[in-house]
Amino acid sequence: MLKKRPASIAFLVLLIVSLACSQSGNPAPVPLDPNIQNTSIAQTIVARQTEVALTNPPTATLTAVPASPTVTAGPTFTLTPDFTPTPLTPLITVSKDTNCRTGPSAIYERVGMLLVGEVAEVIARNNSGEYWYIRNPDVEGGFCWVWGKYATLTGNVFTLLLYTPAPAPSTVFSATFASMKTCTTYWANFQLENPSDALFQSISIELTDSETNTVVTMKSNDFIANDDCKAPTITDYLVSGGTTTVSSSPLVYNPKGHSLNARIKLCTLVNEGGTCVTKDVPFKAK
């Protein structure tokens, strides 16, 4: 019995070897570990990327970083405009208090005053451009004339119209017949008085004898008074508030008893210039 057991074991071993040899042409597949497969793929990708990187080295990209501006304090400039806008409405101011009158001369009545610091609207001007017709700063709705000597104007003064005021009233001065005088010829003397603010610098007298139709005219830049055969008295001006005597041109005949008229004209400038005022003085020669 003991000698049979080793023979059985040997037989089984030979049988297993025989079966293994009969299947050696198609060995059974050995299952793969999935982790090993994934590791291999990853290693292949890394190797490829390394190859590409070595073949085409990356180009550096530069990104510009703006520099922080440096502010340096410089000089401060004050811009001066090329022109100053001018208001359309003409306006007037004065550097000295100036009378405002009913006409463009000191012979006209004063009806207001433009003071330093006041502003008035200008409406018109006179022919010489010496006087300005403005809204009266002292009378609401009123107008008056102001002398331009101390004036400063702004606005469009070129559009202002020329305005001719009414003639000055004859009451600006008074004239009365004084007497007839003679020294080989005859002439009439008149007493003049100037109650206005004006200064008169020239005079003319037109003497008309209505009975003989005789007309004689005297013009002078002086105020001349004849007294019989004495030397004449000469006055340069008829000042404000002043009085003087003036003589007409001579007549070559005796006019006593005749009716005559003297047209006396006083002017603020020489040679009958400036503003003139005329007064008729009818009288009977004595």
Protein backbone atom coordinates (compact mmCIF):
# COMPACT_ATOMS: atom_id res chain seq x y z
CA MET A 1 0.00 0.00 0.00
CA LEU A 2 2.79 2.40 0.86
CA LYS A 3 4.54 1.93 -2.52
CA LYS A 4 1.36 2.94 -4.61
CA ARG A 5 0.87 6.65 -3.18
CA PRO A 6 4.10 8.09 -4.69
CA ALA A 7 3.19 6.75 -8.08
CA SER A 8 -0.20 8.50 -7.98
CA ILE A 9 1.33 11.82 -7.14
CA ALA A 10 3.81 11.52 -9.96
CA PHE A 11 1.01 10.79 -12.36
CA LEU A 12 -0.93 13.93 -11.41
CA VAL A 13 2.12 16.11 -11.89
CA LEU A 14 2.70 14.71 -15.39
CA LEU A 15 -0.94 15.28 -16.26
CA ILE A 16 -0.81 18.99 -15.28
CA VAL A 17 2.39 19.57 -17.22
CA SER A 18 0.89 17.87 -20.27
CA LEU A 19 -2.16 20.14 -20.18
CA ALA A 20 -0.05 23.21 -19.82
CA CYS A 21 2.08 22.30 -22.82
CA SER A 22 -0.96 21.59 -24.99
CA GLN A 23 -2.20 25.27 -24.50
CA SER A 24 1.17 27.09 -24.88
CA GLY A 25 0.25 28.29 -28.43
CA ASN A 26 -2.57 30.59 -27.10
CA PRO A 27 -1.67 31.67 -23.64
CA ALA A 28 -4.49 33.20 -21.63
CA PRO A 29 -4.39 37.06 -21.47
CA VAL A 30 -3.24 38.59 -18.29
CA PRO A 31 -5.56 41.41 -17.14
CA LEU A 32 -3.88 44.95 -17.09
CA ASP A 33 -3.85 47.20 -14.12
CA PRO A 34 -5.81 50.43 -15.09
CA ASN A 35 -3.56 52.59 -12.94
CA ILE A 36 -0.54 51.40 -14.82
CA GLN A 37 -2.23 52.25 -18.15
CA ASN A 38 -3.14 55.83 -17.09
CA THR A 39 0.36 56.42 -15.76
CA SER A 40 1.82 55.41 -19.12
CA ILE A 41 -0.46 57.81 -21.06
CA ALA A 42 0.41 60.70 -18.76
CA GLN A 43 4.13 59.99 -19.16
CA THR A 44 3.73 59.99 -22.96
CA ILE A 45 1.98 63.42 -22.94
CA VAL A 46 4.63 64.90 -20.71
CA ALA A 47 7.37 63.57 -22.96
CA ARG A 48 5.65 65.09 -26.05
CA GLN A 49 5.23 68.49 -24.40
CA THR A 50 8.87 68.47 -23.38
CA GLU A 51 9.90 67.71 -26.96
CA VAL A 52 7.78 70.57 -28.33
CA ALA A 53 9.09 72.96 -25.69
CA LEU A 54 12.68 72.12 -26.60
CA THR A 55 11.99 72.48 -30.33
CA ASN A 56 10.00 75.79 -30.06
CA PRO A 57 11.13 77.73 -27.01
CA PRO A 58 8.43 80.20 -25.85
CA THR A 59 8.76 83.87 -26.85
CA ALA A 60 8.66 86.27 -23.95
CA THR A 61 5.71 88.71 -24.03
CA LEU A 62 6.49 92.16 -22.69
CA THR A 63 3.64 94.09 -21.06
CA ALA A 64 4.14 97.86 -20.94
CA VAL A 65 3.55 99.28 -17.50
CA PRO A 66 2.72 103.02 -17.68
CA ALA A 67 5.03 105.14 -15.63
CA SER A 68 3.45 107.25 -12.95
CA PRO A 69 3.35 110.88 -14.14
CA THR A 70 5.47 113.36 -12.30
CA VAL A 71 3.69 116.67 -11.69
CA THR A 72 5.96 119.69 -11.55
CA ALA A 73 4.51 122.98 -10.38
CA GLY A 74 5.05 125.60 -13.06
CA PRO A 75 4.33 129.33 -13.36
CA THR A 76 0.69 130.46 -13.16
CA PHE A 77 -0.53 132.39 -16.22
CA THR A 78 -3.42 134.84 -16.18
CA LEU A 79 -5.19 134.95 -19.53
CA THR A 80 -6.00 138.42 -20.76
CA PRO A 81 -8.84 138.54 -23.30
CA ASP A 82 -8.09 140.19 -26.62
CA PHE A 83 -11.14 142.40 -26.25
CA THR A 84 -13.59 143.49 -23.62
CA PRO A 85 -17.23 142.90 -24.51
CA THR A 86 -19.00 146.20 -24.94
CA PRO A 87 -22.60 146.59 -23.85
CA LEU A 88 -24.94 147.66 -26.63
CA THR A 89 -26.66 150.37 -24.59
CA PRO A 90 -24.53 153.57 -24.47
CA LEU A 91 -23.83 154.59 -20.89
CA ILE A 92 -22.12 157.62 -19.38
CA THR A 93 -20.21 158.31 -16.18
CA VAL A 94 -18.31 161.43 -15.09
CA SER A 95 -15.11 162.05 -13.16
CA LYS A 96 -16.47 165.33 -11.78
CA ASP A 97 -20.02 166.27 -10.78
CA THR A 98 -21.57 167.77 -13.93
CA ASN A 99 -24.71 169.85 -14.43
CA CYS A 100 -27.48 168.44 -16.59
CA ARG A 101 -29.38 171.09 -18.55
CA THR A 102 -32.32 171.58 -20.87
CA GLY A 103 -29.91 172.16 -23.76
CA PRO A 104 -26.30 171.59 -24.82
CA SER A 105 -24.82 174.71 -23.28
CA ALA A 106 -24.40 176.48 -19.99
CA ILE A 107 -26.94 179.06 -21.14
CA TYR A 108 -29.72 176.51 -20.66
CA GLU A 109 -31.47 175.97 -17.38
CA ARG A 110 -30.01 173.37 -15.04
CA VAL A 111 -32.56 170.62 -14.29
CA GLY A 112 -30.34 167.94 -12.75
CA MET A 113 -26.81 166.79 -12.04
CA LEU A 114 -24.83 163.68 -12.92
CA LEU A 115 -22.70 162.83 -9.91
CA VAL A 116 -19.46 160.88 -9.74
CA GLY A 117 -20.35 157.20 -9.41
CA GLU A 118 -23.73 157.53 -11.14
CA VAL A 119 -24.43 155.84 -14.48
CA ALA A 120 -26.95 157.18 -17.00
CA GLU A 121 -28.20 155.98 -20.37
CA VAL A 122 -27.20 158.10 -23.36
CA ILE A 123 -29.96 158.83 -25.89
CA ALA A 124 -28.38 161.23 -28.43
CA ARG A 125 -25.63 163.79 -29.00
CA ASN A 126 -25.32 167.28 -30.43
CA ASN A 127 -23.64 168.15 -33.73
CA SER A 128 -20.26 168.91 -32.21
CA GLY A 129 -20.23 165.80 -30.00
CA GLU A 130 -19.49 167.95 -26.94
CA TYR A 131 -22.81 167.32 -25.21
CA TRP A 132 -24.76 164.13 -24.57
CA TYR A 133 -28.50 163.84 -24.23
CA ILE A 134 -29.16 161.45 -21.33
CA ARG A 135 -31.87 160.20 -19.01
CA ASN A 136 -32.05 162.73 -16.19
CA PRO A 137 -30.68 160.99 -13.08
CA ASP A 138 -32.70 163.35 -10.86
CA VAL A 139 -36.07 163.35 -12.64
CA GLU A 140 -37.87 160.09 -13.39
CA GLY A 141 -38.86 160.00 -17.05
CA GLY A 142 -36.94 163.21 -17.75
CA PHE A 143 -34.04 163.98 -20.08
CA CYS A 144 -31.25 166.54 -20.07
CA TRP A 145 -27.92 167.48 -21.64
CA VAL A 146 -24.57 166.88 -19.96
CA TRP A 147 -21.22 168.31 -20.99
CA GLY A 148 -18.70 165.71 -22.18
CA LYS A 149 -15.54 167.25 -20.72
CA TYR A 150 -15.53 164.99 -17.66
CA ALA A 151 -17.47 162.14 -19.24
CA THR A 152 -16.56 158.55 -20.06
CA LEU A 153 -18.83 156.64 -22.42
CA THR A 154 -19.24 152.92 -22.95
CA GLY A 155 -21.39 150.96 -25.35
CA ASN A 156 -22.24 151.50 -28.98
CA VAL A 157 -22.10 155.32 -29.18
CA PHE A 158 -21.74 155.24 -32.98
CA THR A 159 -25.45 154.51 -33.37
CA LEU A 160 -26.51 157.59 -31.42
CA LEU A 161 -28.66 160.04 -33.34
CA LEU A 162 -27.97 163.75 -33.65
CA TYR A 163 -30.44 165.77 -31.67
CA THR A 164 -31.00 169.50 -32.15
CA PRO A 165 -32.60 171.03 -29.08
CA ALA A 166 -35.04 173.89 -29.09
CA PRO A 167 -33.45 177.36 -29.29
CA ALA A 168 -32.26 178.71 -25.98
CA PRO A 169 -34.80 180.98 -24.32
CA SER A 170 -34.17 184.68 -24.75
CA THR A 171 -34.52 185.07 -21.00
CA VAL A 172 -30.96 183.75 -20.73
CA PHE A 173 -29.84 187.36 -20.83
CA SER A 174 -31.58 190.69 -20.57
CA ALA A 175 -31.00 193.78 -22.74
CA THR A 176 -32.48 197.24 -22.32
CA PHE A 177 -32.08 200.47 -24.24
CA ALA A 178 -29.87 202.87 -22.26
CA SER A 179 -29.35 206.04 -24.32
CA MET A 180 -28.47 207.64 -27.66
CA LYS A 181 -24.94 208.95 -27.87
CA THR A 182 -23.22 211.17 -30.39
CA CYS A 183 -19.75 212.27 -31.50
CA THR A 184 -20.17 213.44 -35.11
CA THR A 185 -22.27 210.29 -35.60
CA TYR A 186 -25.05 208.67 -33.56
CA TRP A 187 -25.31 205.27 -31.91
CA ALA A 188 -27.42 203.51 -29.32
CA ASN A 189 -26.14 202.10 -26.03
CA PHE A 190 -27.66 199.01 -24.37
CA GLN A 191 -27.34 197.56 -20.92
CA LEU A 192 -26.76 193.76 -20.87
CA GLU A 193 -27.14 191.40 -17.93
CA ASN A 194 -26.27 187.70 -17.85
CA PRO A 195 -28.10 185.75 -15.10
CA SER A 196 -27.20 182.36 -16.63
CA ASP A 197 -24.18 180.12 -16.01
CA ALA A 198 -22.88 180.79 -19.51
CA LEU A 199 -19.87 182.83 -20.55
CA PHE A 200 -20.58 184.91 -23.67
CA GLN A 201 -17.60 185.68 -25.90
CA SER A 202 -19.05 187.37 -28.98
CA ILE A 203 -21.88 189.73 -29.88
CA SER A 204 -23.69 191.14 -32.89
CA ILE A 205 -26.20 194.01 -33.04
CA GLU A 206 -28.44 194.65 -36.04
CA LEU A 207 -29.96 198.13 -35.70
CA THR A 208 -32.99 198.87 -37.89
CA ASP A 209 -34.67 202.26 -38.29
CA SER A 210 -38.20 201.44 -39.42
CA GLU A 211 -38.87 205.04 -40.49
CA THR A 212 -35.91 205.31 -42.85
CA ASN A 213 -35.46 201.57 -43.58
CA THR A 214 -31.85 201.98 -42.49
CA VAL A 215 -30.01 198.89 -41.21
CA VAL A 216 -26.55 198.91 -39.63
CA THR A 217 -24.78 195.86 -38.22
CA MET A 218 -22.01 195.45 -35.66
CA LYS A 219 -20.14 192.17 -34.94
CA SER A 220 -17.39 191.83 -32.38
CA ASN A 221 -15.56 189.40 -30.12
CA ASP A 222 -15.42 192.20 -27.56
CA PHE A 223 -18.12 194.11 -25.74
CA ILE A 224 -17.46 197.75 -26.66
CA ALA A 225 -19.18 200.73 -25.04
CA ASN A 226 -18.81 204.26 -26.53
CA ASP A 227 -19.39 207.29 -24.31
CA ASP A 228 -19.68 210.47 -26.36
CA CYS A 229 -16.22 211.29 -27.70
CA LYS A 230 -14.29 209.49 -24.94
CA ALA A 231 -12.22 206.40 -25.47
CA PRO A 232 -14.44 203.31 -25.59
CA THR A 233 -14.65 200.85 -22.75
CA ILE A 234 -13.84 197.29 -23.87
CA THR A 235 -14.84 194.12 -22.02
CA ASP A 236 -13.58 190.72 -23.20
CA TYR A 237 -16.49 188.58 -21.98
CA LEU A 238 -19.93 188.82 -20.50
CA VAL A 239 -19.46 186.55 -17.52
CA SER A 240 -22.06 184.65 -15.56
CA GLY A 241 -23.92 187.08 -13.35
CA GLY A 242 -22.20 190.02 -15.02
CA THR A 243 -23.46 193.26 -16.58
CA THR A 244 -21.95 195.48 -19.28
CA THR A 245 -22.80 198.24 -21.72
CA VAL A 246 -22.49 197.82 -25.49
CA SER A 247 -22.89 200.23 -28.40
CA SER A 248 -24.44 199.72 -31.83
CA SER A 249 -22.81 200.65 -35.12
CA PRO A 250 -23.06 204.39 -35.84
CA LEU A 251 -25.77 206.09 -37.86
CA VAL A 252 -24.76 209.01 -40.11
CA TYR A 253 -27.97 210.95 -39.32
CA ASN A 254 -29.82 211.96 -36.20
CA PRO A 255 -32.41 209.27 -35.43
CA LYS A 256 -33.99 211.01 -32.45
CA GLY A 257 -37.71 210.50 -32.33
CA HIS A 258 -37.57 207.48 -34.61
CA SER A 259 -38.76 204.01 -33.75
CA LEU A 260 -35.93 201.52 -33.97
CA ASN A 261 -35.29 197.87 -33.18
CA ALA A 262 -32.03 196.33 -32.03
CA ARG A 263 -31.60 192.58 -32.60
CA ILE A 264 -28.87 191.58 -30.16
CA LYS A 265 -27.24 188.15 -30.41
CA LEU A 266 -24.87 186.77 -27.80
CA CYS A 267 -22.78 183.65 -28.44
CA THR A 268 -20.77 181.42 -26.14
CA LEU A 269 -17.80 181.24 -28.55
CA VAL A 270 -15.94 183.82 -30.62
CA ASN A 271 -17.05 184.69 -34.16
CA GLU A 272 -20.65 183.87 -33.28
CA GLY A 273 -19.78 180.28 -32.53
CA GLY A 274 -21.10 177.90 -29.92
CA THR A 275 -24.61 178.47 -28.65
CA CYS A 276 -26.19 181.80 -29.50
CA VAL A 277 -29.19 183.59 -28.04
CA THR A 278 -31.05 186.40 -29.76
CA LYS A 279 -33.22 189.09 -28.23
CA ASP A 280 -35.13 191.93 -29.94
CA VAL A 281 -35.10 195.28 -28.16
CA PRO A 282 -37.56 197.79 -29.70
CA PHE A 283 -37.12 201.41 -28.57
CA LYS A 284 -37.70 205.04 -29.52
CA ALA A 285 -34.60 207.17 -29.93
CA LYS A 286 -34.49 210.12 -27.53
